Amino acid sequence: MKDFTKETKNVKFKTLTVDTTINGKTKQSNATVSGVLVSTDKSSSNDSLDFKFSSQSKASKSSAAIVEPDTSKTTTIEELLQNMFSSYSTDASTSTN
């Protein structure tokens, strides 16, 4: 990471474009990332790099159906909040002792 930071300290994005399209019917997505990097170093102020990356993906069909869990195996938001506040109360009371 130090090497990357050192090597890119004189570089900035002049433009950056991210374009993503998702087709819900076909479960396909197309993405394009493009932009221009320029040097901020005065000795090489004319240096720039144009780039463009594209990707395509398609989700596979799943044969498994989505099943809602039984209520005995779930926790409500109210229960989560009660447990959280109970835990904070316990932590606060033990830290003051």
Protein backbone atom coordinates (compact mmCIF):
# COMPACT_ATOMS: atom_id res chain seq x y z
CA MET A 1 0.00 0.00 0.00
CA LYS A 2 2.88 2.35 0.78
CA ASP A 3 4.39 1.74 -2.66
CA PHE A 4 1.03 2.33 -4.35
CA THR A 5 0.50 5.58 -2.43
CA LYS A 6 4.02 6.75 -3.28
CA GLU A 7 3.66 5.97 -6.98
CA THR A 8 0.21 7.59 -7.32
CA LYS A 9 0.69 10.76 -5.27
CA ASN A 10 1.11 12.86 -8.44
CA VAL A 11 -1.89 11.37 -10.25
CA LYS A 12 -5.51 12.48 -10.17
CA PHE A 13 -8.73 11.62 -11.98
CA LYS A 14 -9.70 14.20 -14.56
CA THR A 15 -12.87 12.28 -15.39
CA LEU A 16 -14.42 9.07 -14.16
CA THR A 17 -17.59 7.49 -15.53
CA VAL A 18 -19.33 4.36 -14.28
CA ASP A 19 -22.21 3.05 -16.39
CA THR A 20 -24.13 -0.04 -15.27
CA THR A 21 -27.14 -1.61 -16.95
CA ILE A 22 -29.11 -4.46 -15.39
CA ASN A 23 -31.74 -6.34 -17.35
CA GLY A 24 -34.15 -7.87 -14.82
CA LYS A 25 -35.79 -10.17 -17.36
CA THR A 26 -32.63 -11.79 -18.68
CA LYS A 27 -30.64 -11.45 -15.40
CA GLN A 28 -27.76 -9.90 -17.33
CA SER A 29 -25.67 -6.90 -16.37
CA ASN A 30 -23.23 -4.80 -18.35
CA ALA A 31 -20.83 -2.37 -16.73
CA THR A 32 -18.33 0.10 -18.14
CA VAL A 33 -15.82 2.14 -16.17
CA SER A 34 -13.93 4.80 -18.10
CA GLY A 35 -11.95 7.89 -17.36
CA VAL A 36 -8.83 9.95 -17.73
CA LEU A 37 -5.93 10.06 -15.27
CA VAL A 38 -3.60 13.05 -15.38
CA SER A 39 -0.27 13.78 -13.80
CA THR A 40 -0.11 16.64 -11.28
CA ASP A 41 3.69 16.66 -11.40
CA LYS A 42 4.81 19.93 -13.03
CA SER A 43 7.70 18.26 -14.86
CA SER A 44 5.29 15.90 -16.66
CA SER A 45 2.12 17.98 -16.80
CA ASN A 46 1.15 16.68 -20.25
CA ASP A 47 1.09 13.04 -19.19
CA SER A 48 -2.35 11.42 -19.16
CA LEU A 49 -3.90 7.99 -19.39
CA ASP A 50 -7.30 7.22 -20.89
CA PHE A 51 -8.85 3.94 -19.78
CA LYS A 52 -12.01 1.94 -20.32
CA PHE A 53 -12.99 -1.37 -18.72
CA SER A 54 -16.10 -3.36 -19.56
CA SER A 55 -17.68 -6.37 -17.96
CA GLN A 56 -20.69 -8.54 -18.63
CA SER A 57 -22.32 -11.04 -16.32
CA LYS A 58 -25.34 -13.25 -16.21
CA ALA A 59 -26.91 -14.81 -13.14
CA SER A 60 -27.51 -18.51 -13.31
CA LYS A 61 -30.95 -19.87 -12.72
CA SER A 62 -31.48 -21.34 -9.31
CA SER A 63 -33.64 -24.39 -8.90
CA ALA A 64 -34.09 -23.78 -5.18
CA ALA A 65 -37.14 -21.83 -4.08
CA ILE A 66 -36.94 -19.06 -1.53
CA VAL A 67 -38.52 -20.28 1.69
CA GLU A 68 -39.59 -18.01 4.52
CA PRO A 69 -38.22 -19.24 7.84
CA ASP A 70 -40.50 -20.47 10.58
CA THR A 71 -41.36 -17.74 13.10
CA SER A 72 -39.84 -19.81 15.91
CA LYS A 73 -36.45 -19.45 14.17
CA THR A 74 -36.58 -15.69 13.71
CA THR A 75 -35.93 -12.62 15.85
CA THR A 76 -38.01 -9.49 15.54
CA ILE A 77 -36.49 -6.02 15.36
CA GLU A 78 -38.09 -5.25 18.71
CA GLU A 79 -36.33 -8.26 20.28
CA LEU A 80 -33.01 -7.20 18.73
CA LEU A 81 -33.36 -3.69 20.15
CA GLN A 82 -34.32 -5.01 23.59
CA ASN A 83 -31.30 -7.32 23.61
CA MET A 84 -29.03 -4.49 22.49
CA PHE A 85 -30.23 -2.07 25.18
CA SER A 86 -30.12 -4.80 27.79
CA SER A 87 -26.53 -5.54 26.83
CA TYR A 88 -25.59 -1.84 27.02
CA SER A 89 -27.28 -1.52 30.40
CA THR A 90 -25.40 -4.53 31.73
CA ASP A 91 -22.09 -3.22 30.35
CA ALA A 92 -22.68 0.22 31.86
CA SER A 93 -23.59 -1.15 35.29
CA THR A 94 -20.58 -3.48 35.45
CA SER A 95 -18.15 -0.77 34.32
CA THR A 96 -19.17 1.56 37.13
CA ASN A 97 -18.62 -1.06 39.83
